[in-house]
PDB file of N, CA and C in Angstrom:
ATOM      1  N   MET A   1     -44.004-105.676 -72.923  1.00  0.00           N
ATOM      2  CA  MET A   1     -44.712-104.407 -72.917  1.00  0.00           C
ATOM      3  C   MET A   1     -45.267-104.169 -74.324  1.00  0.00           C
ATOM      4  N   THR A   2     -46.532-103.809 -74.393  1.00  0.00           N
ATOM      5  CA  THR A   2     -47.193-103.615 -75.687  1.00  0.00           C
ATOM      6  C   THR A   2     -46.825-102.258 -76.281  1.00  0.00           C
ATOM      7  N   LEU A   3     -47.039-102.145 -77.593  1.00  0.00           N
ATOM      8  CA  LEU A   3     -46.782-100.875 -78.269  1.00  0.00           C
ATOM      9  C   LEU A   3     -47.674 -99.772 -77.706  1.00  0.00           C
ATOM     10  N   ALA A   4     -48.916-100.102 -77.403  1.00  0.00           N
ATOM     11  CA  ALA A   4     -49.834 -99.108 -76.842  1.00  0.00           C
ATOM     12  C   ALA A   4     -49.306 -98.571 -75.515  1.00  0.00           C
ATOM     13  N   LEU A   5     -48.804 -99.446 -74.685  1.00  0.00           N
ATOM     14  CA  LEU A   5     -48.267 -99.018 -73.393  1.00  0.00           C
ATOM     15  C   LEU A   5     -47.018 -98.156 -73.565  1.00  0.00           C
ATOM     16  N   ILE A   6     -46.189 -98.516 -74.512  1.00  0.00           N
ATOM     17  CA  ILE A   6     -44.994 -97.702 -74.802  1.00  0.00           C
ATOM     18  C   ILE A   6     -45.413 -96.304 -75.239  1.00  0.00           C
ATOM     19  N   LEU A   7     -46.457 -96.229 -76.054  1.00  0.00           N
ATOM     20  CA  LEU A   7     -46.954 -94.919 -76.502  1.00  0.00           C
ATOM     21  C   LEU A   7     -47.528 -94.114 -75.340  1.00  0.00           C
ATOM     22  N   TRP A   8     -48.203 -94.783 -74.394  1.00  0.00           N
ATOM     23  CA  TRP A   8     -48.711 -94.088 -73.206  1.00  0.00           C
ATOM     24  C   TRP A   8     -47.551 -93.515 -72.392  1.00  0.00           C
ATOM     25  N   PHE A   9     -46.502 -94.312 -72.223  1.00  0.00           N
ATOM     26  CA  PHE A   9     -45.328 -93.822 -71.494  1.00  0.00           C
ATOM     27  C   PHE A   9     -44.685 -92.645 -72.229  1.00  0.00           C
ATOM     28  N   ALA A  10     -44.575 -92.748 -73.537  1.00  0.00           N
ATOM     29  CA  ALA A  10     -43.984 -91.655 -74.323  1.00  0.00           C
ATOM     30  C   ALA A  10     -44.810 -90.380 -74.161  1.00  0.00           C
ATOM     31  N   LEU A  11     -46.126 -90.513 -74.212  1.00  0.00           N
ATOM     32  CA  LEU A  11     -46.998 -89.349 -74.034  1.00  0.00           C
ATOM     33  C   LEU A  11     -46.833 -88.755 -72.637  1.00  0.00           C
ATOM     34  N   SER A  12     -46.688 -89.606 -71.639  1.00  0.00           N
ATOM     35  CA  SER A  12     -46.477 -89.131 -70.272  1.00  0.00           C
ATOM     36  C   SER A  12     -45.192 -88.315 -70.168  1.00  0.00           C
ATOM     37  N   VAL A  13     -44.128 -88.828 -70.759  1.00  0.00           N
ATOM     38  CA  VAL A  13     -42.842 -88.121 -70.710  1.00  0.00           C
ATOM     39  C   VAL A  13     -42.921 -86.807 -71.489  1.00  0.00           C
ATOM     40  N   VAL A  14     -43.546 -86.841 -72.653  1.00  0.00           N
ATOM     41  CA  VAL A  14     -43.689 -85.615 -73.450  1.00  0.00           C
ATOM     42  C   VAL A  14     -44.493 -84.573 -72.676  1.00  0.00           C
ATOM     43  N   CYS A  15     -45.563 -84.997 -72.026  1.00  0.00           N
ATOM     44  CA  CYS A  15     -46.359 -84.060 -71.222  1.00  0.00           C
ATOM     45  C   CYS A  15     -45.518 -83.467 -70.092  1.00  0.00           C
ATOM     46  N   ASP A  16     -44.747 -84.310 -69.426  1.00  0.00           N
ATOM     47  CA  ASP A  16     -43.940 -83.818 -68.316  1.00  0.00           C
ATOM     48  C   ASP A  16     -42.897 -82.820 -68.805  1.00  0.00           C
ATOM     49  N   VAL A  17     -42.234 -83.130 -69.896  1.00  0.00           N
ATOM     50  CA  VAL A  17     -41.213 -82.226 -70.443  1.00  0.00           C
ATOM     51  C   VAL A  17     -41.857 -80.910 -70.877  1.00  0.00           C
ATOM     52  N   ALA A  18     -42.956 -80.991 -71.614  1.00  0.00           N
ATOM     53  CA  ALA A  18     -43.637 -79.773 -72.078  1.00  0.00           C
ATOM     54  C   ALA A  18     -44.137 -78.946 -70.896  1.00  0.00           C
ATOM     55  N   GLY A  19     -44.686 -79.612 -69.889  1.00  0.00           N
ATOM     56  CA  GLY A  19     -45.157 -78.895 -68.700  1.00  0.00           C
ATOM     57  C   GLY A  19     -44.015 -78.183 -67.984  1.00  0.00           C
ATOM     58  N   GLN A  20     -42.890 -78.859 -67.843  1.00  0.00           N
ATOM     59  CA  GLN A  20     -41.739 -78.232 -67.183  1.00  0.00           C
ATOM     60  C   GLN A  20     -41.222 -77.034 -67.977  1.00  0.00           C
ATOM     61  N   LEU A  21     -41.186 -77.146 -69.299  1.00  0.00           N
ATOM     62  CA  LEU A  21     -40.765 -76.010 -70.130  1.00  0.00           C
ATOM     63  C   LEU A  21     -41.718 -74.828 -69.938  1.00  0.00           C
ATOM     64  N   CYS A  22     -43.010 -75.104 -69.924  1.00  0.00           N
ATOM     65  CA  CYS A  22     -43.991 -74.030 -69.706  1.00  0.00           C
ATOM     66  C   CYS A  22     -43.801 -73.383 -68.340  1.00  0.00           C
ATOM     67  N   PHE A  23     -43.613 -74.199 -67.316  1.00  0.00           N
ATOM     68  CA  PHE A  23     -43.408 -73.650 -65.976  1.00  0.00           C
ATOM     69  C   PHE A  23     -42.167 -72.776 -65.918  1.00  0.00           C
ATOM     70  N   LYS A  24     -41.077 -73.207 -66.551  1.00  0.00           N
ATOM     71  CA  LYS A  24     -39.836 -72.426 -66.544  1.00  0.00           C
ATOM     72  C   LYS A  24     -40.031 -71.102 -67.270  1.00  0.00           C
ATOM     73  N   LEU A  25     -40.659 -71.150 -68.450  1.00  0.00           N
ATOM     74  CA  LEU A  25     -40.888 -69.919 -69.210  1.00  0.00           C
ATOM     75  C   LEU A  25     -41.787 -68.953 -68.425  1.00  0.00           C
ATOM     76  N   GLY A  26     -42.784 -69.494 -67.756  1.00  0.00           N
ATOM     77  CA  GLY A  26     -43.658 -68.653 -66.947  1.00  0.00           C
ATOM     78  C   GLY A  26     -42.962 -68.124 -65.710  1.00  0.00           C
ATOM     79  N   ALA A  27     -42.187 -68.963 -65.050  1.00  0.00           N
ATOM     80  CA  ALA A  27     -41.488 -68.546 -63.826  1.00  0.00           C
ATOM     81  C   ALA A  27     -40.489 -67.435 -64.114  1.00  0.00           C
ATOM     82  N   ASP A  28     -39.865 -67.483 -65.284  1.00  0.00           N
ATOM     83  CA  ASP A  28     -38.905 -66.436 -65.644  1.00  0.00           C
ATOM     84  C   ASP A  28     -39.572 -65.064 -65.787  1.00  0.00           C
ATOM     85  N   ARG A  29     -40.883 -65.060 -66.028  1.00  0.00           N
ATOM     86  CA  ARG A  29     -41.604 -63.792 -66.209  1.00  0.00           C
ATOM     87  C   ARG A  29     -42.307 -63.310 -64.952  1.00  0.00           C
ATOM     88  N   LEU A  30     -42.270 -64.104 -63.891  1.00  0.00           N
ATOM     89  CA  LEU A  30     -42.979 -63.718 -62.668  1.00  0.00           C
ATOM     90  C   LEU A  30     -42.297 -62.535 -61.976  1.00  0.00           C
ATOM     91  N   PRO A  31     -43.096 -61.643 -61.421  1.00  0.00           N
ATOM     92  CA  PRO A  31     -42.521 -60.536 -60.658  1.00  0.00           C
ATOM     93  C   PRO A  31     -41.971 -61.045 -59.321  1.00  0.00           C
ATOM     94  N   ASP A  32     -41.163 -60.239 -58.704  1.00  0.00           N
ATOM     95  CA  ASP A  32     -40.561 -60.612 -57.414  1.00  0.00           C
ATOM     96  C   ASP A  32     -41.574 -60.353 -56.307  1.00  0.00           C
ATOM     97  N   LYS A  33     -42.537 -61.276 -56.183  1.00  0.00           N
ATOM     98  CA  LYS A  33     -43.583 -61.161 -55.178  1.00  0.00           C
ATOM     99  C   LYS A  33     -43.588 -62.416 -54.331  1.00  0.00           C
ATOM    100  N   HIS A  34     -44.358 -62.378 -53.255  1.00  0.00           N
ATOM    101  CA  HIS A  34     -44.436 -63.526 -52.360  1.00  0.00           C
ATOM    102  C   HIS A  34     -45.891 -63.794 -51.994  1.00  0.00           C
ATOM    103  N   GLY A  35     -46.144 -64.990 -51.512  1.00  0.00           N
ATOM    104  CA  GLY A  35     -47.463 -65.340 -50.995  1.00  0.00           C
ATOM    105  C   GLY A  35     -48.557 -65.261 -52.024  1.00  0.00           C
ATOM    106  N   ARG A  36     -49.663 -64.651 -51.599  1.00  0.00           N
ATOM    107  CA  ARG A  36     -50.860 -64.579 -52.435  1.00  0.00           C
ATOM    108  C   ARG A  36     -50.600 -63.826 -53.743  1.00  0.00           C
ATOM    109  N   ALA A  37     -49.814 -62.764 -53.690  1.00  0.00           N
ATOM    110  CA  ALA A  37     -49.520 -61.977 -54.892  1.00  0.00           C
ATOM    111  C   ALA A  37     -48.777 -62.828 -55.932  1.00  0.00           C
ATOM    112  N   LEU A  38     -47.876 -63.688 -55.469  1.00  0.00           N
ATOM    113  CA  LEU A  38     -47.144 -64.570 -56.381  1.00  0.00           C
ATOM    114  C   LEU A  38     -48.084 -65.589 -57.015  1.00  0.00           C
ATOM    115  N   VAL A  39     -48.977 -66.161 -56.218  1.00  0.00           N
ATOM    116  CA  VAL A  39     -49.934 -67.144 -56.734  1.00  0.00           C
ATOM    117  C   VAL A  39     -50.837 -66.500 -57.782  1.00  0.00           C
ATOM    118  N   LEU A  40     -51.334 -65.305 -57.492  1.00  0.00           N
ATOM    119  CA  LEU A  40     -52.214 -64.620 -58.448  1.00  0.00           C
ATOM    120  C   LEU A  40     -51.470 -64.274 -59.729  1.00  0.00           C
ATOM    121  N   ALA A  41     -50.227 -63.816 -59.614  1.00  0.00           N
ATOM    122  CA  ALA A  41     -49.423 -63.514 -60.804  1.00  0.00           C
ATOM    123  C   ALA A  41     -49.190 -64.787 -61.620  1.00  0.00           C
ATOM    124  N   ALA A  42     -48.920 -65.896 -60.942  1.00  0.00           N
ATOM    125  CA  ALA A  42     -48.684 -67.163 -61.635  1.00  0.00           C
ATOM    126  C   ALA A  42     -49.940 -67.616 -62.372  1.00  0.00           C
ATOM    127  N   LEU A  43     -51.101 -67.452 -61.746  1.00  0.00           N
ATOM    128  CA  LEU A  43     -52.350 -67.882 -62.375  1.00  0.00           C
ATOM    129  C   LEU A  43     -52.761 -67.002 -63.554  1.00  0.00           C
ATOM    130  N   ARG A  44     -52.170 -65.821 -63.649  1.00  0.00           N
ATOM    131  CA  ARG A  44     -52.443 -64.926 -64.784  1.00  0.00           C
ATOM    132  C   ARG A  44     -51.460 -65.142 -65.935  1.00  0.00           C
ATOM    133  N   ASP A  45     -50.421 -65.929 -65.691  1.00  0.00           N
ATOM    134  CA  ASP A  45     -49.405 -66.132 -66.727  1.00  0.00           C
ATOM    135  C   ASP A  45     -49.832 -67.264 -67.663  1.00  0.00           C
ATOM    136  N   SER A  46     -49.798 -67.001 -68.961  1.00  0.00           N
ATOM    137  CA  SER A  46     -50.262 -67.995 -69.934  1.00  0.00           C
ATOM    138  C   SER A  46     -49.363 -69.231 -69.973  1.00  0.00           C
ATOM    139  N   TRP A  47     -48.059 -69.055 -69.801  1.00  0.00           N
ATOM    140  CA  TRP A  47     -47.161 -70.219 -69.797  1.00  0.00           C
ATOM    141  C   TRP A  47     -47.452 -71.133 -68.604  1.00  0.00           C
ATOM    142  N   ILE A  48     -47.643 -70.547 -67.456  1.00  0.00           N
ATOM    143  CA  ILE A  48     -47.914 -71.356 -66.262  1.00  0.00           C
ATOM    144  C   ILE A  48     -49.264 -72.046 -66.376  1.00  0.00           C
ATOM    145  N   CYS A  49     -50.268 -71.335 -66.869  1.00  0.00           N
ATOM    146  CA  CYS A  49     -51.583 -71.962 -67.066  1.00  0.00           C
ATOM    147  C   CYS A  49     -51.488 -73.084 -68.091  1.00  0.00           C
ATOM    148  N   GLY A  50     -50.698 -72.879 -69.139  1.00  0.00           N
ATOM    149  CA  GLY A  50     -50.483 -73.941 -70.121  1.00  0.00           C
ATOM    150  C   GLY A  50     -49.832 -75.156 -69.484  1.00  0.00           C
ATOM    151  N   GLY A  51     -48.839 -74.927 -68.622  1.00  0.00           N
ATOM    152  CA  GLY A  51     -48.187 -76.030 -67.915  1.00  0.00           C
ATOM    153  C   GLY A  51     -49.154 -76.790 -67.036  1.00  0.00           C
ATOM    154  N   ILE A  52     -50.032 -76.067 -66.366  1.00  0.00           N
ATOM    155  CA  ILE A  52     -51.028 -76.719 -65.511  1.00  0.00           C
ATOM    156  C   ILE A  52     -51.971 -77.577 -66.355  1.00  0.00           C
ATOM    157  N   LEU A  53     -52.416 -77.053 -67.498  1.00  0.00           N
ATOM    158  CA  LEU A  53     -53.302 -77.823 -68.376  1.00  0.00           C
ATOM    159  C   LEU A  53     -52.610 -79.085 -68.904  1.00  0.00           C
ATOM    160  N   ILE A  54     -51.345 -78.950 -69.267  1.00  0.00           N
ATOM    161  CA  ILE A  54     -50.588 -80.109 -69.735  1.00  0.00           C
ATOM    162  C   ILE A  54     -50.476 -81.146 -68.626  1.00  0.00           C
ATOM    163  N   TYR A  55     -50.255 -80.695 -67.406  1.00  0.00           N
ATOM    164  CA  TYR A  55     -50.162 -81.626 -66.287  1.00  0.00           C
ATOM    165  C   TYR A  55     -51.493 -82.314 -66.003  1.00  0.00           C
ATOM    166  N   LEU A  56     -52.600 -81.634 -66.255  1.00  0.00           N
ATOM    167  CA  LEU A  56     -53.908 -82.286 -66.102  1.00  0.00           C
ATOM    168  C   LEU A  56     -54.059 -83.427 -67.110  1.00  0.00           C
ATOM    169  N   VAL A  57     -53.582 -83.204 -68.325  1.00  0.00           N
ATOM    170  CA  VAL A  57     -53.585 -84.279 -69.327  1.00  0.00           C
ATOM    171  C   VAL A  57     -52.676 -85.407 -68.856  1.00  0.00           C
ATOM    172  N   GLU A  58     -51.527 -85.052 -68.315  1.00  0.00           N
ATOM    173  CA  GLU A  58     -50.594 -86.078 -67.858  1.00  0.00           C
ATOM    174  C   GLU A  58     -51.180 -86.934 -66.733  1.00  0.00           C
ATOM    175  N   VAL A  59     -51.970 -86.342 -65.869  1.00  0.00           N
ATOM    176  CA  VAL A  59     -52.610 -87.116 -64.799  1.00  0.00           C
ATOM    177  C   VAL A  59     -53.495 -88.205 -65.400  1.00  0.00           C
ATOM    178  N   VAL A  60     -54.264 -87.870 -66.413  1.00  0.00           N
ATOM    179  CA  VAL A  60     -55.132 -88.853 -67.065  1.00  0.00           C
ATOM    180  C   VAL A  60     -54.282 -89.949 -67.722  1.00  0.00           C
ATOM    181  N   VAL A  61     -53.224 -89.554 -68.407  1.00  0.00           N
ATOM    182  CA  VAL A  61     -52.326 -90.523 -69.041  1.00  0.00           C
ATOM    183  C   VAL A  61     -51.698 -91.428 -67.984  1.00  0.00           C
ATOM    184  N   TRP A  62     -51.249 -90.828 -66.891  1.00  0.00           N
ATOM    185  CA  TRP A  62     -50.598 -91.592 -65.822  1.00  0.00           C
ATOM    186  C   TRP A  62     -51.565 -92.604 -65.198  1.00  0.00           C
ATOM    187  N   LEU A  63     -52.795 -92.202 -64.995  1.00  0.00           N
ATOM    188  CA  LEU A  63     -53.795 -93.130 -64.452  1.00  0.00           C
ATOM    189  C   LEU A  63     -54.014 -94.300 -65.399  1.00  0.00           C
ATOM    190  N   ARG A  64     -54.010 -94.021 -66.687  1.00  0.00           N
ATOM    191  CA  ARG A  64     -54.148 -95.092 -67.696  1.00  0.00           C
ATOM    192  C   ARG A  64     -52.987 -96.069 -67.586  1.00  0.00           C
ATOM    193  N   ILE A  65     -51.778 -95.540 -67.433  1.00  0.00           N
ATOM    194  CA  ILE A  65     -50.590 -96.386 -67.285  1.00  0.00           C
ATOM    195  C   ILE A  65     -50.699 -97.237 -66.018  1.00  0.00           C
ATOM    196  N   LEU A  66     -51.063 -96.598 -64.917  1.00  0.00           N
ATOM    197  CA  LEU A  66     -51.129 -97.311 -63.637  1.00  0.00           C
ATOM    198  C   LEU A  66     -52.207 -98.387 -63.610  1.00  0.00           C
ATOM    199  N   ALA A  67     -53.188 -98.251 -64.474  1.00  0.00           N
ATOM    200  CA  ALA A  67     -54.226 -99.276 -64.553  1.00  0.00           C
ATOM    201  C   ALA A  67     -53.675-100.580 -65.134  1.00  0.00           C
ATOM    202  N   GLU A  68     -52.531-100.492 -65.816  1.00  0.00           N
ATOM    203  CA  GLU A  68     -51.975-101.676 -66.480  1.00  0.00           C
ATOM    204  C   GLU A  68     -50.610-102.121 -65.959  1.00  0.00           C
ATOM    205  N   VAL A  69     -49.888-101.226 -65.292  1.00  0.00           N
ATOM    206  CA  VAL A  69     -48.502-101.515 -64.925  1.00  0.00           C
ATOM    207  C   VAL A  69     -48.319-101.307 -63.421  1.00  0.00           C
ATOM    208  N   PRO A  70     -47.603-102.213 -62.756  1.00  0.00           N
ATOM    209  CA  PRO A  70     -47.315-101.985 -61.339  1.00  0.00           C
ATOM    210  C   PRO A  70     -46.527-100.683 -61.138  1.00  0.00           C
ATOM    211  N   LEU A  71     -46.825 -99.986 -60.069  1.00  0.00           N
ATOM    212  CA  LEU A  71     -46.157 -98.721 -59.779  1.00  0.00           C
ATOM    213  C   LEU A  71     -44.639 -98.892 -59.690  1.00  0.00           C
ATOM    214  N   SER A  72     -44.190-100.038 -59.169  1.00  0.00           N
ATOM    215  CA  SER A  72     -42.756-100.272 -59.019  1.00  0.00           C
ATOM    216  C   SER A  72     -42.036-100.357 -60.358  1.00  0.00           C
ATOM    217  N   ILE A  73     -42.768-100.558 -61.423  1.00  0.00           N
ATOM    218  CA  ILE A  73     -42.185-100.555 -62.771  1.00  0.00           C
ATOM    219  C   ILE A  73     -42.494 -99.240 -63.476  1.00  0.00           C
ATOM    220  N   ALA A  74     -43.721 -98.749 -63.340  1.00  0.00           N
ATOM    221  CA  ALA A  74     -44.136 -97.529 -64.044  1.00  0.00           C
ATOM    222  C   ALA A  74     -43.329 -96.309 -63.617  1.00  0.00           C
ATOM    223  N   PHE A  75     -43.121 -96.161 -62.317  1.00  0.00           N
ATOM    224  CA  PHE A  75     -42.451 -94.947 -61.841  1.00  0.00           C
ATOM    225  C   PHE A  75     -41.007 -94.843 -62.337  1.00  0.00           C
ATOM    226  N   PRO A  76     -40.217 -95.903 -62.262  1.00  0.00           N
ATOM    227  CA  PRO A  76     -38.866 -95.785 -62.823  1.00  0.00           C
ATOM    228  C   PRO A  76     -38.862 -95.483 -64.322  1.00  0.00           C
ATOM    229  N   ILE A  77     -39.797 -96.074 -65.070  1.00  0.00           N
ATOM    230  CA  ILE A  77     -39.842 -95.793 -66.508  1.00  0.00           C
ATOM    231  C   ILE A  77     -40.191 -94.331 -66.754  1.00  0.00           C
ATOM    232  N   ALA A  78     -41.069 -93.787 -65.931  1.00  0.00           N
ATOM    233  CA  ALA A  78     -41.441 -92.373 -66.072  1.00  0.00           C
ATOM    234  C   ALA A  78     -40.256 -91.453 -65.799  1.00  0.00           C
ATOM    235  N   SER A  79     -39.206 -91.976 -65.196  1.00  0.00           N
ATOM    236  CA  SER A  79     -38.012 -91.173 -64.935  1.00  0.00           C
ATOM    237  C   SER A  79     -37.274 -90.787 -66.211  1.00  0.00           C
ATOM    238  N   LEU A  80     -37.735 -91.295 -67.342  1.00  0.00           N
ATOM    239  CA  LEU A  80     -37.166 -90.838 -68.608  1.00  0.00           C
ATOM    240  C   LEU A  80     -37.325 -89.337 -68.780  1.00  0.00           C
ATOM    241  N   ASN A  81     -38.238 -88.751 -67.992  1.00  0.00           N
ATOM    242  CA  ASN A  81     -38.402 -87.302 -68.075  1.00  0.00           C
ATOM    243  C   ASN A  81     -37.120 -86.564 -67.678  1.00  0.00           C
ATOM    244  N   PHE A  82     -36.251 -87.188 -66.872  1.00  0.00           N
ATOM    245  CA  PHE A  82     -34.976 -86.550 -66.528  1.00  0.00           C
ATOM    246  C   PHE A  82     -34.158 -86.288 -67.785  1.00  0.00           C
ATOM    247  N   LEU A  83     -34.072 -87.284 -68.644  1.00  0.00           N
ATOM    248  CA  LEU A  83     -33.339 -87.113 -69.892  1.00  0.00           C
ATOM    249  C   LEU A  83     -34.063 -86.127 -70.804  1.00  0.00           C
ATOM    250  N   GLY A  84     -35.382 -86.244 -70.880  1.00  0.00           N
ATOM    251  CA  GLY A  84     -36.163 -85.349 -71.728  1.00  0.00           C
ATOM    252  C   GLY A  84     -36.065 -83.894 -71.312  1.00  0.00           C
ATOM    253  N   VAL A  85     -36.166 -83.629 -70.015  1.00  0.00           N
ATOM    254  CA  VAL A  85     -36.083 -82.245 -69.527  1.00  0.00           C
ATOM    255  C   VAL A  85     -34.671 -81.698 -69.734  1.00  0.00           C
ATOM    256  N   THR A  86     -33.663 -82.523 -69.508  1.00  0.00           N
ATOM    257  CA  THR A  86     -32.277 -82.079 -69.729  1.00  0.00           C
ATOM    258  C   THR A  86     -32.075 -81.710 -71.191  1.00  0.00           C
ATOM    259  N   LEU A  87     -32.520 -82.570 -72.088  1.00  0.00           N
ATOM    260  CA  LEU A  87     -32.383 -82.305 -73.520  1.00  0.00           C
ATOM    261  C   LEU A  87     -33.180 -81.071 -73.939  1.00  0.00           C
ATOM    262  N   ALA A  88     -34.419 -80.975 -73.481  1.00  0.00           N
ATOM    263  CA  ALA A  88     -35.260 -79.828 -73.845  1.00  0.00           C
ATOM    264  C   ALA A  88     -34.708 -78.520 -73.283  1.00  0.00           C
ATOM    265  N   SER A  89     -34.123 -78.567 -72.095  1.00  0.00           N
ATOM    266  CA  SER A  89     -33.525 -77.363 -71.508  1.00  0.00           C
ATOM    267  C   SER A  89     -32.376 -76.868 -72.367  1.00  0.00           C
ATOM    268  N   ALA A  90     -31.582 -77.806 -72.866  1.00  0.00           N
ATOM    269  CA  ALA A  90     -30.448 -77.422 -73.718  1.00  0.00           C
ATOM    270  C   ALA A  90     -30.914 -76.914 -75.079  1.00  0.00           C
ATOM    271  N   VAL A  91     -31.884 -77.599 -75.675  1.00  0.00           N
ATOM    272  CA  VAL A  91     -32.311 -77.269 -77.037  1.00  0.00           C
ATOM    273  C   VAL A  91     -33.211 -76.038 -77.078  1.00  0.00           C
ATOM    274  N   PHE A  92     -34.251 -76.025 -76.250  1.00  0.00           N
ATOM    275  CA  PHE A  92     -35.256 -74.964 -76.349  1.00  0.00           C
ATOM    276  C   PHE A  92     -34.950 -73.743 -75.489  1.00  0.00           C
ATOM    277  N   LEU A  93     -34.349 -73.969 -74.321  1.00  0.00           N
ATOM    278  CA  LEU A  93     -34.069 -72.847 -73.422  1.00  0.00           C
ATOM    279  C   LEU A  93     -32.622 -72.360 -73.530  1.00  0.00           C
ATOM    280  N   LYS A  94     -31.841 -73.083 -74.320  1.00  0.00           N
ATOM    281  CA  LYS A  94     -30.420 -72.743 -74.520  1.00  0.00           C
ATOM    282  C   LYS A  94     -29.649 -72.729 -73.206  1.00  0.00           C
ATOM    283  N   GLU A  95     -30.063 -73.596 -72.273  1.00  0.00           N
ATOM    284  CA  GLU A  95     -29.335 -73.705 -71.012  1.00  0.00           C
ATOM    285  C   GLU A  95     -28.061 -74.514 -71.229  1.00  0.00           C
ATOM    286  N   ARG A  96     -27.065 -74.173 -70.480  1.00  0.00           N
ATOM    287  CA  ARG A  96     -25.801 -74.910 -70.556  1.00  0.00           C
ATOM    288  C   ARG A  96     -25.943 -76.166 -69.700  1.00  0.00           C
ATOM    289  N   VAL A  97     -25.751 -77.303 -70.319  1.00  0.00           N
ATOM    290  CA  VAL A  97     -25.823 -78.579 -69.613  1.00  0.00           C
ATOM    291  C   VAL A  97     -24.417 -79.183 -69.650  1.00  0.00           C
ATOM    292  N   VAL A  98     -23.847 -79.367 -68.468  1.00  0.00           N
ATOM    293  CA  VAL A  98     -22.468 -79.854 -68.396  1.00  0.00           C
ATOM    294  C   VAL A  98     -22.427 -81.380 -68.486  1.00  0.00           C
ATOM    295  N   ARG A  99     -21.248 -81.888 -68.703  1.00  0.00           N
ATOM    296  CA  ARG A  99     -21.040 -83.319 -68.914  1.00  0.00           C
ATOM    297  C   ARG A  99     -21.601 -84.176 -67.773  1.00  0.00           C
ATOM    298  N   ARG A 100     -21.415 -83.724 -66.540  1.00  0.00           N
ATOM    299  CA  ARG A 100     -21.940 -84.509 -65.401  1.00  0.00           C
ATOM    300  C   ARG A 100     -23.457 -84.614 -65.429  1.00  0.00           C
ATOM    301  N   GLN A 101     -24.122 -83.554 -65.862  1.00  0.00           N
ATOM    302  CA  GLN A 101     -25.578 -83.612 -65.965  1.00  0.00           C
ATOM    303  C   GLN A 101     -26.001 -84.632 -67.025  1.00  0.00           C
ATOM    304  N   TRP A 102     -25.317 -84.619 -68.177  1.00  0.00           N
ATOM    305  CA  TRP A 102     -25.613 -85.598 -69.215  1.00  0.00           C
ATOM    306  C   TRP A 102     -25.345 -87.010 -68.718  1.00  0.00           C
ATOM    307  N   LEU A 103     -24.246 -87.192 -68.009  1.00  0.00           N
ATOM    308  CA  LEU A 103     -23.914 -88.512 -67.474  1.00  0.00           C
ATOM    309  C   LEU A 103     -25.006 -88.990 -66.518  1.00  0.00           C
ATOM    310  N   GLY A 104     -25.429 -88.120 -65.619  1.00  0.00           N
ATOM    311  CA  GLY A 104     -26.485 -88.482 -64.673  1.00  0.00           C
ATOM    312  C   GLY A 104     -27.776 -88.851 -65.381  1.00  0.00           C
ATOM    313  N   ALA A 105     -28.163 -88.050 -66.378  1.00  0.00           N
ATOM    314  CA  ALA A 105     -29.389 -88.329 -67.129  1.00  0.00           C
ATOM    315  C   ALA A 105     -29.271 -89.656 -67.877  1.00  0.00           C
ATOM    316  N   CYS A 106     -28.097 -89.942 -68.411  1.00  0.00           N
ATOM    317  CA  CYS A 106     -27.890 -91.205 -69.127  1.00  0.00           C
ATOM    318  C   CYS A 106     -27.904 -92.398 -68.172  1.00  0.00           C
ATOM    319  N   LEU A 107     -27.344 -92.227 -66.988  1.00  0.00           N
ATOM    320  CA  LEU A 107     -27.380 -93.308 -65.998  1.00  0.00           C
ATOM    321  C   LEU A 107     -28.811 -93.604 -65.560  1.00  0.00           C
ATOM    322  N   ILE A 108     -29.604 -92.559 -65.397  1.00  0.00           N
ATOM    323  CA  ILE A 108     -31.017 -92.752 -65.061  1.00  0.00           C
ATOM    324  C   ILE A 108     -31.707 -93.520 -66.188  1.00  0.00           C
ATOM    325  N   THR A 109     -31.398 -93.154 -67.423  1.00  0.00           N
ATOM    326  CA  THR A 109     -31.982 -93.831 -68.570  1.00  0.00           C
ATOM    327  C   THR A 109     -31.577 -95.304 -68.612  1.00  0.00           C
ATOM    328  N   LEU A 110     -30.333 -95.591 -68.288  1.00  0.00           N
ATOM    329  CA  LEU A 110     -29.882 -96.976 -68.224  1.00  0.00           C
ATOM    330  C   LEU A 110     -30.672 -97.746 -67.165  1.00  0.00           C
ATOM    331  N   GLY A 111     -30.916 -97.116 -66.030  1.00  0.00           N
ATOM    332  CA  GLY A 111     -31.742 -97.743 -65.001  1.00  0.00           C
ATOM    333  C   GLY A 111     -33.150 -98.007 -65.493  1.00  0.00           C
ATOM    334  N   VAL A 112     -33.683 -97.081 -66.264  1.00  0.00           N
ATOM    335  CA  VAL A 112     -35.022 -97.254 -66.841  1.00  0.00           C
ATOM    336  C   VAL A 112     -35.048 -98.484 -67.750  1.00  0.00           C
ATOM    337  N   VAL A 113     -34.027 -98.626 -68.564  1.00  0.00           N
ATOM    338  CA  VAL A 113     -33.951 -99.774 -69.476  1.00  0.00           C
ATOM    339  C   VAL A 113     -33.930-101.074 -68.684  1.00  0.00           C
ATOM    340  N   ILE A 114     -33.150-101.092 -67.609  1.00  0.00           N
ATOM    341  CA  ILE A 114     -33.066-102.301 -66.779  1.00  0.00           C
ATOM    342  C   ILE A 114     -34.422-102.629 -66.162  1.00  0.00           C
ATOM    343  N   VAL A 115     -35.103-101.629 -65.623  1.00  0.00           N
ATOM    344  CA  VAL A 115     -36.421-101.852 -65.019  1.00  0.00           C
ATOM    345  C   VAL A 115     -37.439-102.275 -66.073  1.00  0.00           C
ATOM    346  N   ALA A 116     -37.421-101.618 -67.221  1.00  0.00           N
ATOM    347  CA  ALA A 116     -38.400-101.906 -68.272  1.00  0.00           C
ATOM    348  C   ALA A 116     -38.254-103.345 -68.772  1.00  0.00           C
ATOM    349  N   ARG A 117     -37.053-103.849 -68.766  1.00  0.00           N
ATOM    350  CA  ARG A 117     -36.840-105.227 -69.248  1.00  0.00           C
ATOM    351  C   ARG A 117     -37.406-106.257 -68.275  1.00  0.00           C
ATOM    352  N   THR A 118     -37.683-105.855 -67.043  1.00  0.00           N
ATOM    353  CA  THR A 118     -38.279-106.792 -66.082  1.00  0.00           C
ATOM    354  C   THR A 118     -39.788-106.857 -66.246  1.00  0.00           C
ATOM    355  N   ALA A 119     -40.339-105.879 -66.957  1.00  0.00           N
ATOM    356  CA  ALA A 119     -41.817-105.813 -67.103  1.00  0.00           C
ATOM    357  C   ALA A 119     -42.317-106.890 -68.026  1.00  0.00           C
TER     358      ALA A 119
END
């Protein structure tokens, strides 16, 4: 795997983590509405709109990755976002992450390493 491809994967994971953080921050501010009212409130929230924009960037990055890497390898490597989101939730959102969650995220990361070594 080339350095450029590793950087594309890193950017993909960073986009996914940042997008999820934006969605969480926006969702926490949403009013208790349903249906169309909820969608309109979400589209007016700056955090949610930021998350959507980040995800649009991630789509372009992901397409770049898929142009070079088989999906059966790319998708497991992209699962590094599990570890990234867990870490970001603990650091930035001050969420309590228990030992089992860390273990699960680390096991996923170990699987990523195994898959990446086959590439």
